[in-house]
Amino acid sequence: MTQLRQRMQEDLRLRNFSERTVRHYTHTVAEFATYFHKSPDQLGPEHIRMFLLHLLNERKLAWGTIQGARSALKFLYTRTLKQKWFDQEVIKPKVRRKLPTVWSREEVCALLDAEMNIKHRALLALYYSAGLRCQEALDLKVTDIDSQRMVIHVREGKGKFPRQVMLSPKLLQILRVYWRGRKPKDWLFPGRQAGEQLKANAVRVVCQKLRKQLGIRKALSPHVLRHSFASHLLDAGTDLRSIQLLLGHRDLETTSRYLHVSEARLHATPSPLDDLPIRTPHAAHGGNRTA
């Protein structure tokens, strides 16, 4: 590792960034330097522009990934190299938010009743019942399940913010069956190697297998179950502020996305067309058929 990347890692840790972010930013800077075969302190805004275009046009990466690469380079140049030109010279991509994918209650029920091992069933039930992010569930220790207070302790959520979420009595039953069968000692969901936690890629493989098994075309991932958790809570009358706290969102605007996919709110809001005293056609009549 070069001295510059070492200094950047130290700067990231001094600002209390997560180890995952430290690894991601360092890897991005290494790719940037390799692409031009030069140290980043010898490169400038035009090189950053070319690198981001390379990620977009040649590697076909998603906008979220490109935004992450820009953030890594911004930290390097503004924090570690103390440059002031970054925001003026490097274009910030416009973020286009999509509506979250939500499974219906019937689809979630079919998923959790599908044929799978108890470990996978417990994990997927956890994602849906508590609305955890993928890594938040994988980072849980056995001791984070507090059956006395009926809460789950998320020790280090996004941005290293801890929080507590509800422990569903039905989830507790599933977890107890899982624990009796597998007896995890440290990580609640250990990986194949002793002392390791389950990897996120393994969870994605399980999700794709189950989606095909059920014949459902909608995407399935821990985040889809998290979206479903939030949307179903909103349908049941839970207020947005409570959902924000459960999800660990820093901004209420992020949580408000679920207003757009709440079936209960959509069905409870009448269309203005319904108030117009127009005649309802009983059969199609002639007229212009060009349309």
Protein backbone atom coordinates (compact mmCIF):
# COMPACT_ATOMS: atom_id res chain seq x y z
CA MET A 1 0.00 0.00 0.00
CA THR A 2 1.29 3.47 -0.91
CA GLN A 3 1.88 6.15 1.73
CA LEU A 4 -0.96 8.22 0.25
CA ARG A 5 -3.50 5.40 0.62
CA GLN A 6 -2.20 4.69 4.12
CA ARG A 7 -2.73 8.36 5.02
CA MET A 8 -6.23 8.26 3.55
CA GLN A 9 -7.09 5.18 5.62
CA GLU A 10 -5.89 6.95 8.76
CA ASP A 11 -8.00 10.01 7.89
CA LEU A 12 -11.07 7.81 7.39
CA ARG A 13 -10.57 6.04 10.71
CA LEU A 14 -10.00 9.32 12.55
CA ARG A 15 -13.42 10.41 11.28
CA ASN A 16 -14.89 7.12 12.54
CA PHE A 17 -15.91 5.70 9.16
CA SER A 18 -16.88 2.03 9.20
CA GLU A 19 -14.28 -0.55 8.21
CA ARG A 20 -16.46 -1.46 5.23
CA THR A 21 -16.31 2.14 3.99
CA VAL A 22 -12.55 2.30 4.62
CA ARG A 23 -12.04 -0.82 2.48
CA HIS A 24 -14.37 0.42 -0.27
CA TYR A 25 -12.79 3.89 -0.51
CA THR A 26 -9.26 2.47 -0.45
CA HIS A 27 -10.12 -0.05 -3.18
CA THR A 28 -11.64 2.70 -5.36
CA VAL A 29 -8.54 4.89 -5.05
CA ALA A 30 -6.34 1.90 -5.91
CA GLU A 31 -8.43 1.25 -9.06
CA PHE A 32 -8.19 4.94 -9.99
CA ALA A 33 -4.39 4.93 -9.67
CA THR A 34 -4.08 1.66 -11.59
CA TYR A 35 -6.26 2.95 -14.44
CA PHE A 36 -3.81 5.81 -15.13
CA HIS A 37 -0.64 4.10 -13.80
CA LYS A 38 0.04 7.17 -11.72
CA SER A 39 -0.28 8.28 -8.12
CA PRO A 40 -3.54 10.24 -7.51
CA ASP A 41 -1.57 13.28 -6.30
CA GLN A 42 -0.32 13.59 -9.90
CA LEU A 43 -3.86 13.48 -11.32
CA GLY A 44 -6.60 16.09 -11.52
CA PRO A 45 -10.27 16.78 -12.35
CA GLU A 46 -10.01 15.69 -15.99
CA HIS A 47 -8.62 12.33 -14.92
CA ILE A 48 -11.47 11.88 -12.45
CA ARG A 49 -13.95 12.69 -15.23
CA MET A 50 -12.35 10.10 -17.52
CA PHE A 51 -12.35 7.47 -14.77
CA LEU A 52 -16.04 8.00 -13.94
CA LEU A 53 -16.91 7.81 -17.65
CA HIS A 54 -14.94 4.56 -17.80
CA LEU A 55 -17.05 3.14 -14.95
CA LEU A 56 -20.23 4.29 -16.69
CA ASN A 57 -19.60 3.50 -20.37
CA GLU A 58 -17.14 0.61 -20.32
CA ARG A 59 -17.81 -1.21 -17.08
CA LYS A 60 -21.56 -0.43 -17.16
CA LEU A 61 -21.73 0.10 -13.40
CA ALA A 62 -24.89 1.32 -11.68
CA TRP A 63 -25.26 4.99 -10.82
CA GLY A 64 -25.14 4.19 -7.12
CA THR A 65 -21.74 2.55 -7.58
CA ILE A 66 -20.47 5.50 -9.59
CA GLN A 67 -21.69 7.88 -6.89
CA GLY A 68 -19.78 5.79 -4.33
CA ALA A 69 -16.61 6.04 -6.43
CA ARG A 70 -17.01 9.81 -6.66
CA SER A 71 -17.43 10.01 -2.87
CA ALA A 72 -14.22 8.04 -2.35
CA LEU A 73 -12.26 10.32 -4.67
CA LYS A 74 -13.81 13.40 -3.10
CA PHE A 75 -12.60 12.29 0.33
CA LEU A 76 -9.11 11.68 -1.03
CA TYR A 77 -8.79 15.07 -2.71
CA THR A 78 -10.64 17.30 -0.24
CA ARG A 79 -9.64 15.68 3.06
CA THR A 80 -6.30 13.94 2.54
CA LEU A 81 -4.81 16.09 -0.25
CA LYS A 82 -6.53 19.33 0.93
CA GLN A 83 -7.66 20.33 -2.58
CA LYS A 84 -10.51 22.85 -2.94
CA TRP A 85 -11.49 22.39 -6.57
CA PHE A 86 -13.35 19.08 -6.34
CA ASP A 87 -17.02 20.18 -6.08
CA GLN A 88 -16.59 22.87 -8.74
CA GLU A 89 -14.76 20.68 -11.23
CA VAL A 90 -16.28 17.20 -10.77
CA ILE A 91 -19.92 16.83 -11.77
CA LYS A 92 -22.19 15.28 -9.16
CA PRO A 93 -24.63 12.75 -10.71
CA LYS A 94 -28.31 13.44 -10.29
CA VAL A 95 -29.83 10.76 -8.08
CA ARG A 96 -32.97 9.24 -9.58
CA ARG A 97 -34.90 7.51 -6.87
CA LYS A 98 -37.04 4.51 -7.77
CA LEU A 99 -40.10 3.37 -5.89
CA PRO A 100 -39.17 0.50 -3.58
CA THR A 101 -40.17 -3.03 -4.58
CA VAL A 102 -42.69 -4.40 -2.07
CA TRP A 103 -44.00 -7.93 -1.70
CA SER A 104 -47.61 -8.42 -0.64
CA ARG A 105 -48.42 -10.12 2.66
CA GLU A 106 -49.51 -13.20 0.72
CA GLU A 107 -46.19 -13.33 -1.13
CA VAL A 108 -44.19 -12.94 2.10
CA CYS A 109 -46.28 -15.69 3.69
CA ALA A 110 -45.58 -18.00 0.74
CA LEU A 111 -41.88 -17.18 1.00
CA LEU A 112 -41.58 -17.96 4.71
CA ASP A 113 -43.61 -21.16 4.28
CA ALA A 114 -41.44 -22.35 1.36
CA GLU A 115 -39.18 -25.38 1.65
CA MET A 116 -35.81 -24.23 3.04
CA ASN A 117 -33.51 -24.99 5.95
CA ILE A 118 -34.29 -23.46 9.34
CA LYS A 119 -31.28 -21.13 9.23
CA HIS A 120 -32.45 -19.46 6.03
CA ARG A 121 -36.03 -19.31 7.27
CA ALA A 122 -34.95 -17.64 10.50
CA LEU A 123 -32.82 -15.10 8.61
CA LEU A 124 -35.54 -14.15 6.10
CA ALA A 125 -38.14 -13.94 8.88
CA LEU A 126 -35.77 -11.61 10.72
CA TYR A 127 -35.41 -9.31 7.71
CA TYR A 128 -39.18 -9.04 7.31
CA SER A 129 -40.14 -8.86 10.99
CA ALA A 130 -37.57 -6.23 12.03
CA GLY A 131 -36.77 -4.36 8.80
CA LEU A 132 -33.01 -4.79 9.17
CA ARG A 133 -30.49 -4.02 6.45
CA CYS A 134 -28.67 -7.03 4.99
CA GLN A 135 -25.44 -6.55 6.92
CA GLU A 136 -27.19 -5.48 10.12
CA ALA A 137 -28.72 -8.93 10.44
CA LEU A 138 -25.46 -10.69 9.58
CA ASP A 139 -23.64 -8.62 12.23
CA LEU A 140 -25.96 -9.79 15.02
CA LYS A 141 -24.53 -11.81 17.87
CA VAL A 142 -26.57 -14.38 19.79
CA THR A 143 -26.54 -12.00 22.76
CA ASP A 144 -28.20 -9.25 20.70
CA ILE A 145 -31.53 -11.09 20.90
CA ASP A 146 -33.06 -9.85 24.16
CA SER A 147 -36.03 -12.11 24.87
CA GLN A 148 -36.59 -10.56 28.31
CA ARG A 149 -37.29 -7.09 26.90
CA MET A 150 -38.43 -8.44 23.50
CA VAL A 151 -36.01 -6.25 21.55
CA ILE A 152 -33.18 -6.79 19.08
CA HIS A 153 -30.04 -4.74 19.62
CA VAL A 154 -28.54 -3.40 16.38
CA ARG A 155 -25.11 -2.49 17.71
CA GLU A 156 -23.79 -0.76 14.61
CA GLY A 157 -26.26 0.31 11.96
CA LYS A 158 -25.54 2.51 8.96
CA GLY A 159 -23.26 5.36 9.95
CA LYS A 160 -22.37 3.43 13.13
CA PHE A 161 -25.64 4.48 14.77
CA PRO A 162 -26.99 1.84 17.20
CA ARG A 163 -30.71 1.28 17.65
CA GLN A 164 -33.23 -1.19 19.02
CA VAL A 165 -36.07 -2.82 17.10
CA MET A 166 -38.97 -4.98 18.18
CA LEU A 167 -38.54 -8.72 18.66
CA SER A 168 -41.63 -10.39 17.23
CA PRO A 169 -42.96 -13.26 19.42
CA LYS A 170 -43.38 -15.35 16.25
CA LEU A 171 -39.80 -14.57 15.19
CA LEU A 172 -38.60 -15.55 18.67
CA GLN A 173 -40.28 -18.96 18.24
CA ILE A 174 -38.52 -19.44 14.89
CA LEU A 175 -35.17 -18.34 16.35
CA ARG A 176 -35.53 -20.77 19.25
CA VAL A 177 -36.16 -23.68 16.87
CA TYR A 178 -33.15 -22.54 14.83
CA TRP A 179 -30.95 -22.23 17.94
CA ARG A 180 -31.88 -25.71 19.21
CA GLY A 181 -31.02 -27.18 15.82
CA ARG A 182 -27.81 -25.26 15.00
CA LYS A 183 -26.66 -23.86 18.38
CA PRO A 184 -24.78 -20.77 17.11
CA LYS A 185 -22.28 -19.63 19.74
CA ASP A 186 -21.12 -16.16 18.71
CA TRP A 187 -22.54 -14.86 15.43
CA LEU A 188 -26.29 -15.47 15.24
CA PHE A 189 -25.83 -16.55 11.61
CA PRO A 190 -22.33 -18.02 11.28
CA GLY A 191 -20.68 -18.84 7.97
CA ARG A 192 -19.10 -22.12 6.91
CA GLN A 193 -15.72 -21.28 8.39
CA ALA A 194 -15.40 -21.36 12.17
CA GLY A 195 -15.62 -17.89 13.71
CA GLU A 196 -16.92 -16.24 10.53
CA GLN A 197 -20.32 -14.71 9.96
CA LEU A 198 -22.53 -15.55 6.98
CA LYS A 199 -21.63 -13.53 3.86
CA ALA A 200 -24.04 -11.20 2.08
CA ASN A 201 -23.45 -12.97 -1.26
CA ALA A 202 -24.68 -16.25 0.25
CA VAL A 203 -27.91 -14.51 1.29
CA ARG A 204 -28.43 -13.16 -2.24
CA VAL A 205 -28.00 -16.65 -3.69
CA VAL A 206 -30.62 -18.02 -1.29
CA CYS A 207 -33.04 -15.22 -2.24
CA GLN A 208 -32.69 -15.87 -5.97
CA LYS A 209 -33.20 -19.59 -5.50
CA LEU A 210 -36.36 -19.08 -3.46
CA ARG A 211 -37.78 -16.49 -5.87
CA LYS A 212 -37.44 -18.94 -8.75
CA GLN A 213 -38.80 -21.75 -6.60
CA LEU A 214 -41.94 -19.69 -5.88
CA GLY A 215 -42.28 -18.51 -9.47
CA ILE A 216 -42.48 -14.84 -8.45
CA ARG A 217 -41.07 -12.34 -10.92
CA LYS A 218 -40.55 -9.53 -8.41
CA ALA A 219 -37.01 -9.02 -7.15
CA LEU A 220 -36.20 -10.60 -3.81
CA SER A 221 -33.44 -9.43 -1.46
CA PRO A 222 -33.05 -8.48 2.20
CA HIS A 223 -33.77 -4.87 1.18
CA VAL A 224 -37.03 -5.89 -0.54
CA LEU A 225 -38.11 -7.54 2.71
CA ARG A 226 -37.09 -4.36 4.55
CA HIS A 227 -39.23 -2.33 2.12
CA SER A 228 -42.13 -4.73 2.67
CA PHE A 229 -41.75 -4.40 6.45
CA ALA A 230 -42.02 -0.60 6.24
CA SER A 231 -44.88 -0.58 3.74
CA HIS A 232 -46.94 -3.11 5.68
CA LEU A 233 -46.41 -1.16 8.92
CA LEU A 234 -47.63 1.99 7.17
CA ASP A 235 -50.69 0.13 5.86
CA ALA A 236 -51.42 -0.98 9.42
CA GLY A 237 -51.49 2.63 10.63
CA THR A 238 -47.99 3.05 12.09
CA ASP A 239 -46.84 6.68 11.85
CA LEU A 240 -43.89 7.66 9.67
CA ARG A 241 -41.76 8.86 12.58
CA SER A 242 -41.95 5.45 14.29
CA ILE A 243 -41.08 3.70 11.03
CA GLN A 244 -38.14 6.08 10.55
CA LEU A 245 -36.73 5.13 13.96
CA LEU A 246 -37.22 1.41 13.35
CA LEU A 247 -35.49 1.58 9.97
CA GLY A 248 -32.64 3.74 11.28
CA HIS A 249 -33.19 6.50 8.70
CA ARG A 250 -31.55 9.81 9.54
CA ASP A 251 -33.94 11.76 7.30
CA LEU A 252 -37.75 11.49 7.40
CA GLU A 253 -37.80 12.25 3.67
CA THR A 254 -36.17 8.87 3.01
CA THR A 255 -38.93 7.12 4.96
CA SER A 256 -41.65 9.08 3.15
CA ARG A 257 -40.97 7.04 -0.01
CA TYR A 258 -43.23 4.36 1.44
CA LEU A 259 -46.21 6.71 1.19
CA HIS A 260 -46.06 6.12 -2.58
CA VAL A 261 -46.41 2.33 -2.27
CA SER A 262 -48.83 2.10 0.67
CA GLU A 263 -51.88 0.20 -0.61
CA ALA A 264 -54.05 1.30 2.32
CA ARG A 265 -53.37 4.99 1.67
CA LEU A 266 -53.86 4.62 -2.08
CA HIS A 267 -57.17 2.81 -1.64
CA ALA A 268 -58.36 5.24 1.06
CA THR A 269 -57.88 8.25 -1.22
CA PRO A 270 -60.75 8.59 -3.71
CA SER A 271 -60.12 9.83 -7.23
CA PRO A 272 -61.79 13.18 -8.09
CA LEU A 273 -63.39 11.37 -11.04
CA ASP A 274 -65.62 9.49 -8.59
CA ASP A 275 -67.31 12.75 -7.54
CA LEU A 276 -68.30 13.79 -11.06
CA PRO A 277 -71.95 13.06 -12.00
CA ILE A 278 -71.06 11.57 -15.38
CA ARG A 279 -72.90 8.73 -17.08
CA THR A 280 -71.20 5.34 -17.04
CA PRO A 281 -71.10 3.79 -20.54
CA HIS A 282 -72.69 0.35 -20.73
CA ALA A 283 -71.43 -0.54 -24.20
CA ALA A 284 -68.99 0.81 -26.73
CA HIS A 285 -70.61 2.84 -29.52
CA GLY A 286 -69.26 3.81 -32.92
CA GLY A 287 -67.18 6.87 -33.53
CA ASN A 288 -63.67 7.52 -34.60
CA ARG A 289 -61.64 4.28 -34.36
CA THR A 290 -58.28 5.73 -35.19
CA ALA A 291 -57.09 5.51 -31.61
